[in-house]
Amino acid sequence: MTSTEDAATDIETRVMAALEELGVAYELVHIDPAFADTADFCAKYRFPLETSGNTIIVASKRGEKKYCACIVQASARLDVNKTVKRLMGVSRASFASAEETRELTGMMIGGVTAFALPVGLPVYADPNLLSQEYVILGSGSRSSKLKIAPKDLHNIPGARFIDGLAM
């Protein structure tokens, strides 16, 4: 196994352990890693964008480095410039780079999930996800997704539902 495959297995194991510890029932949907990016995944596997939740790591761009995770419907855009910036208490913020995301979470873009994030990392979620029949999230790796009941988003440690998080 390569070190990349080892890391993917490690993060998947960590995410599954977190789900079990939190009592979150889930369906693991195995996918081709080439289709891990949300739009590609939804098109290939015929899931509506509204049911997919993108977990996006946001980073401050000035002063002390701060991060947060935001979960929004794939059919919406994260309001980084107003809402997230205000929540973080920073003057400038933007999506964290793929490298920053991996360093902080151990996860690759296309597989990032709000489960098994570093302790103390603020997590903000779009309340519109709660009205879906189910929610698809990353599983920690690019080779699978998690299908969960929307109510289980409340089990994410420290998650806060923020009106206006998405546009």
C-alpha atoms as a PDB file:
ATOM      1  CA  MET A   1       0.000   0.000   0.000  1.00  0.00           C
ATOM      2  CA  THR A   2       1.220   3.528  -0.743  1.00  0.00           C
ATOM      3  CA  SER A   3       1.404   6.203   1.935  1.00  0.00           C
ATOM      4  CA  THR A   4      -1.584   7.942   0.281  1.00  0.00           C
ATOM      5  CA  GLU A   5      -3.622   4.731   0.491  1.00  0.00           C
ATOM      6  CA  ASP A   6      -2.520   4.260   4.120  1.00  0.00           C
ATOM      7  CA  ALA A   7      -3.598   7.816   4.970  1.00  0.00           C
ATOM      8  CA  ALA A   8      -6.982   7.298   3.269  1.00  0.00           C
ATOM      9  CA  THR A   9      -7.539   4.086   5.244  1.00  0.00           C
ATOM     10  CA  ASP A  10      -6.520   5.822   8.490  1.00  0.00           C
ATOM     11  CA  ILE A  11      -8.934   8.712   7.996  1.00  0.00           C
ATOM     12  CA  GLU A  12     -11.792   6.397   6.965  1.00  0.00           C
ATOM     13  CA  THR A  13     -11.191   4.368  10.141  1.00  0.00           C
ATOM     14  CA  ARG A  14     -11.170   7.561  12.235  1.00  0.00           C
ATOM     15  CA  VAL A  15     -14.426   8.798  10.640  1.00  0.00           C
ATOM     16  CA  MET A  16     -16.214   5.448  11.097  1.00  0.00           C
ATOM     17  CA  ALA A  17     -15.096   5.377  14.766  1.00  0.00           C
ATOM     18  CA  ALA A  18     -16.418   8.926  15.253  1.00  0.00           C
ATOM     19  CA  LEU A  19     -19.773   7.992  13.680  1.00  0.00           C
ATOM     20  CA  GLU A  20     -20.064   4.964  15.940  1.00  0.00           C
ATOM     21  CA  GLU A  21     -19.116   6.971  19.038  1.00  0.00           C
ATOM     22  CA  LEU A  22     -21.705   9.627  18.171  1.00  0.00           C
ATOM     23  CA  GLY A  23     -24.424   7.049  17.464  1.00  0.00           C
ATOM     24  CA  VAL A  24     -24.881   8.177  13.857  1.00  0.00           C
ATOM     25  CA  ALA A  25     -26.476   5.578  11.576  1.00  0.00           C
ATOM     26  CA  TYR A  26     -25.080   5.818   8.063  1.00  0.00           C
ATOM     27  CA  GLU A  27     -24.909   4.132   4.716  1.00  0.00           C
ATOM     28  CA  LEU A  28     -21.440   4.012   3.169  1.00  0.00           C
ATOM     29  CA  VAL A  29     -21.717   4.632  -0.581  1.00  0.00           C
ATOM     30  CA  HIS A  30     -18.608   3.342  -2.389  1.00  0.00           C
ATOM     31  CA  ILE A  31     -17.639   5.470  -5.382  1.00  0.00           C
ATOM     32  CA  ASP A  32     -14.976   5.869  -8.030  1.00  0.00           C
ATOM     33  CA  PRO A  33     -12.511   8.451  -6.590  1.00  0.00           C
ATOM     34  CA  ALA A  34     -12.492  10.210  -9.980  1.00  0.00           C
ATOM     35  CA  PHE A  35     -16.098  11.253  -9.201  1.00  0.00           C
ATOM     36  CA  ALA A  36     -15.547  12.425  -5.587  1.00  0.00           C
ATOM     37  CA  ASP A  37     -16.097  16.127  -6.335  1.00  0.00           C
ATOM     38  CA  THR A  38     -19.731  16.850  -5.522  1.00  0.00           C
ATOM     39  CA  ALA A  39     -21.058  17.915  -8.927  1.00  0.00           C
ATOM     40  CA  ASP A  40     -19.378  14.941 -10.609  1.00  0.00           C
ATOM     41  CA  PHE A  41     -20.610  12.573  -7.885  1.00  0.00           C
ATOM     42  CA  CYS A  42     -24.213  13.800  -8.126  1.00  0.00           C
ATOM     43  CA  ALA A  43     -24.242  13.537 -11.924  1.00  0.00           C
ATOM     44  CA  LYS A  44     -22.649  10.072 -12.045  1.00  0.00           C
ATOM     45  CA  TYR A  45     -24.594   8.502  -9.165  1.00  0.00           C
ATOM     46  CA  ARG A  46     -27.850  10.437  -9.686  1.00  0.00           C
ATOM     47  CA  PHE A  47     -28.158  12.171  -6.322  1.00  0.00           C
ATOM     48  CA  PRO A  48     -29.790  15.631  -6.273  1.00  0.00           C
ATOM     49  CA  LEU A  49     -27.412  18.482  -5.425  1.00  0.00           C
ATOM     50  CA  GLU A  50     -29.822  19.611  -2.677  1.00  0.00           C
ATOM     51  CA  THR A  51     -29.228  16.384  -0.733  1.00  0.00           C
ATOM     52  CA  SER A  52     -25.435  16.719  -0.853  1.00  0.00           C
ATOM     53  CA  GLY A  53     -23.664  18.682   1.843  1.00  0.00           C
ATOM     54  CA  ASN A  54     -20.250  20.106   1.044  1.00  0.00           C
ATOM     55  CA  THR A  55     -17.961  20.411   4.061  1.00  0.00           C
ATOM     56  CA  ILE A  56     -15.706  23.360   3.296  1.00  0.00           C
ATOM     57  CA  ILE A  57     -12.733  24.431   5.397  1.00  0.00           C
ATOM     58  CA  VAL A  58     -12.408  28.211   5.547  1.00  0.00           C
ATOM     59  CA  ALA A  59      -9.219  30.023   6.596  1.00  0.00           C
ATOM     60  CA  SER A  60      -8.553  33.571   7.752  1.00  0.00           C
ATOM     61  CA  LYS A  61      -6.248  35.534   5.477  1.00  0.00           C
ATOM     62  CA  ARG A  62      -4.874  38.180   7.857  1.00  0.00           C
ATOM     63  CA  GLY A  63      -3.523  38.142  11.385  1.00  0.00           C
ATOM     64  CA  GLU A  64      -3.637  35.033  13.551  1.00  0.00           C
ATOM     65  CA  LYS A  65      -4.555  31.974  11.475  1.00  0.00           C
ATOM     66  CA  LYS A  66      -8.095  30.765  12.187  1.00  0.00           C
ATOM     67  CA  TYR A  67     -10.098  27.994  10.586  1.00  0.00           C
ATOM     68  CA  CYS A  68     -13.674  26.753  10.591  1.00  0.00           C
ATOM     69  CA  ALA A  69     -15.674  24.100   8.774  1.00  0.00           C
ATOM     70  CA  CYS A  70     -18.915  24.950   6.989  1.00  0.00           C
ATOM     71  CA  ILE A  71     -21.502  22.492   5.685  1.00  0.00           C
ATOM     72  CA  VAL A  72     -23.745  23.796   2.912  1.00  0.00           C
ATOM     73  CA  GLN A  73     -25.994  22.271   0.302  1.00  0.00           C
ATOM     74  CA  ALA A  74     -24.135  21.589  -2.925  1.00  0.00           C
ATOM     75  CA  SER A  75     -26.846  23.580  -4.705  1.00  0.00           C
ATOM     76  CA  ALA A  76     -25.951  26.743  -2.721  1.00  0.00           C
ATOM     77  CA  ARG A  77     -22.907  28.966  -2.271  1.00  0.00           C
ATOM     78  CA  LEU A  78     -21.209  29.552   1.052  1.00  0.00           C
ATOM     79  CA  ASP A  79     -21.365  33.222   2.123  1.00  0.00           C
ATOM     80  CA  VAL A  80     -17.672  33.526   3.022  1.00  0.00           C
ATOM     81  CA  ASN A  81     -17.420  37.299   2.569  1.00  0.00           C
ATOM     82  CA  LYS A  82     -20.134  38.251   5.043  1.00  0.00           C
ATOM     83  CA  THR A  83     -21.550  35.483   7.226  1.00  0.00           C
ATOM     84  CA  VAL A  84     -18.484  33.261   7.661  1.00  0.00           C
ATOM     85  CA  LYS A  85     -16.131  36.216   8.074  1.00  0.00           C
ATOM     86  CA  ARG A  86     -18.414  37.576  10.830  1.00  0.00           C
ATOM     87  CA  LEU A  87     -18.655  34.184  12.560  1.00  0.00           C
ATOM     88  CA  MET A  88     -14.869  33.821  12.514  1.00  0.00           C
ATOM     89  CA  GLY A  89     -14.304  37.393  13.702  1.00  0.00           C
ATOM     90  CA  VAL A  90     -11.810  38.119  10.921  1.00  0.00           C
ATOM     91  CA  SER A  91     -11.429  40.839   8.289  1.00  0.00           C
ATOM     92  CA  ARG A  92     -10.630  38.458   5.408  1.00  0.00           C
ATOM     93  CA  ALA A  93     -11.407  34.790   4.825  1.00  0.00           C
ATOM     94  CA  SER A  94     -11.480  32.359   1.925  1.00  0.00           C
ATOM     95  CA  PHE A  95     -11.584  28.648   1.209  1.00  0.00           C
ATOM     96  CA  ALA A  96      -8.563  26.901   2.700  1.00  0.00           C
ATOM     97  CA  SER A  97      -6.194  25.464   0.113  1.00  0.00           C
ATOM     98  CA  ALA A  98      -6.184  21.726  -0.539  1.00  0.00           C
ATOM     99  CA  GLU A  99      -2.861  21.548   1.319  1.00  0.00           C
ATOM    100  CA  GLU A 100      -4.193  23.482   4.343  1.00  0.00           C
ATOM    101  CA  THR A 101      -7.319  21.305   4.391  1.00  0.00           C
ATOM    102  CA  ARG A 102      -5.268  18.120   4.336  1.00  0.00           C
ATOM    103  CA  GLU A 103      -2.850  19.359   7.022  1.00  0.00           C
ATOM    104  CA  LEU A 104      -5.714  20.411   9.311  1.00  0.00           C
ATOM    105  CA  THR A 105      -8.107  17.490   8.783  1.00  0.00           C
ATOM    106  CA  GLY A 106      -6.136  14.649   7.189  1.00  0.00           C
ATOM    107  CA  MET A 107      -8.764  14.667   4.417  1.00  0.00           C
ATOM    108  CA  MET A 108      -8.574  15.430   0.712  1.00  0.00           C
ATOM    109  CA  ILE A 109     -10.906  17.821  -1.104  1.00  0.00           C
ATOM    110  CA  GLY A 110     -13.842  15.745  -2.353  1.00  0.00           C
ATOM    111  CA  GLY A 111     -13.842  13.631   0.791  1.00  0.00           C
ATOM    112  CA  VAL A 112     -13.931  16.184   3.609  1.00  0.00           C
ATOM    113  CA  THR A 113     -16.542  15.444   6.249  1.00  0.00           C
ATOM    114  CA  ALA A 114     -17.639  17.249   9.396  1.00  0.00           C
ATOM    115  CA  PHE A 115     -17.186  14.046  11.388  1.00  0.00           C
ATOM    116  CA  ALA A 116     -13.732  13.439  12.961  1.00  0.00           C
ATOM    117  CA  LEU A 117     -12.568  17.030  12.588  1.00  0.00           C
ATOM    118  CA  PRO A 118      -9.961  18.395  15.007  1.00  0.00           C
ATOM    119  CA  VAL A 119     -11.376  19.095  18.474  1.00  0.00           C
ATOM    120  CA  GLY A 120     -12.323  22.746  18.890  1.00  0.00           C
ATOM    121  CA  LEU A 121     -12.647  23.521  15.181  1.00  0.00           C
ATOM    122  CA  PRO A 122     -15.835  25.595  14.806  1.00  0.00           C
ATOM    123  CA  VAL A 123     -18.443  23.900  12.606  1.00  0.00           C
ATOM    124  CA  TYR A 124     -21.255  25.894  10.998  1.00  0.00           C
ATOM    125  CA  ALA A 125     -24.076  24.221   9.098  1.00  0.00           C
ATOM    126  CA  ASP A 126     -26.775  25.408   6.727  1.00  0.00           C
ATOM    127  CA  PRO A 127     -30.187  24.728   8.337  1.00  0.00           C
ATOM    128  CA  ASN A 128     -31.627  24.037   4.850  1.00  0.00           C
ATOM    129  CA  LEU A 129     -29.935  20.629   4.996  1.00  0.00           C
ATOM    130  CA  LEU A 130     -32.318  19.622   7.802  1.00  0.00           C
ATOM    131  CA  SER A 131     -35.317  19.683   5.443  1.00  0.00           C
ATOM    132  CA  GLN A 132     -33.893  17.008   3.118  1.00  0.00           C
ATOM    133  CA  GLU A 133     -34.950  13.351   3.086  1.00  0.00           C
ATOM    134  CA  TYR A 134     -31.269  12.407   3.605  1.00  0.00           C
ATOM    135  CA  VAL A 135     -27.882  14.118   3.402  1.00  0.00           C
ATOM    136  CA  ILE A 136     -24.801  12.931   1.517  1.00  0.00           C
ATOM    137  CA  LEU A 137     -21.469  13.975   3.049  1.00  0.00           C
ATOM    138  CA  GLY A 138     -17.845  13.129   2.437  1.00  0.00           C
ATOM    139  CA  SER A 139     -16.529  10.097   4.312  1.00  0.00           C
ATOM    140  CA  GLY A 140     -13.006  11.367   4.872  1.00  0.00           C
ATOM    141  CA  SER A 141     -11.688   9.838   1.642  1.00  0.00           C
ATOM    142  CA  ARG A 142     -12.429  10.232  -2.050  1.00  0.00           C
ATOM    143  CA  SER A 143     -13.538   6.603  -2.439  1.00  0.00           C
ATOM    144  CA  SER A 144     -16.854   6.819  -0.576  1.00  0.00           C
ATOM    145  CA  LYS A 145     -19.621   9.087   0.703  1.00  0.00           C
ATOM    146  CA  LEU A 146     -21.842   8.932   3.773  1.00  0.00           C
ATOM    147  CA  LYS A 147     -25.627   8.924   3.536  1.00  0.00           C
ATOM    148  CA  ILE A 148     -27.181  10.014   6.838  1.00  0.00           C
ATOM    149  CA  ALA A 149     -30.471  11.265   8.254  1.00  0.00           C
ATOM    150  CA  PRO A 150     -30.481  15.086   8.424  1.00  0.00           C
ATOM    151  CA  LYS A 151     -31.262  14.982  12.161  1.00  0.00           C
ATOM    152  CA  ASP A 152     -27.832  13.380  12.698  1.00  0.00           C
ATOM    153  CA  LEU A 153     -26.148  16.627  11.663  1.00  0.00           C
ATOM    154  CA  HIS A 154     -27.020  17.707  15.213  1.00  0.00           C
ATOM    155  CA  ASN A 155     -24.567  15.034  16.462  1.00  0.00           C
ATOM    156  CA  ILE A 156     -21.560  16.798  14.945  1.00  0.00           C
ATOM    157  CA  PRO A 157     -19.569  18.041  17.941  1.00  0.00           C
ATOM    158  CA  GLY A 158     -20.057  21.785  18.401  1.00  0.00           C
ATOM    159  CA  ALA A 159     -22.048  22.255  15.196  1.00  0.00           C
ATOM    160  CA  ARG A 160     -24.112  25.427  15.013  1.00  0.00           C
ATOM    161  CA  PHE A 161     -26.865  25.940  12.443  1.00  0.00           C
ATOM    162  CA  ILE A 162     -26.596  29.421  10.959  1.00  0.00           C
ATOM    163  CA  ASP A 163     -29.310  31.144   8.939  1.00  0.00           C
ATOM    164  CA  GLY A 164     -27.736  32.916   5.972  1.00  0.00           C
ATOM    165  CA  LEU A 165     -24.661  30.666   5.872  1.00  0.00           C
ATOM    166  CA  ALA A 166     -25.475  29.838   2.252  1.00  0.00           C
ATOM    167  CA  MET A 167     -26.727  32.011  -0.567  1.00  0.00           C
END
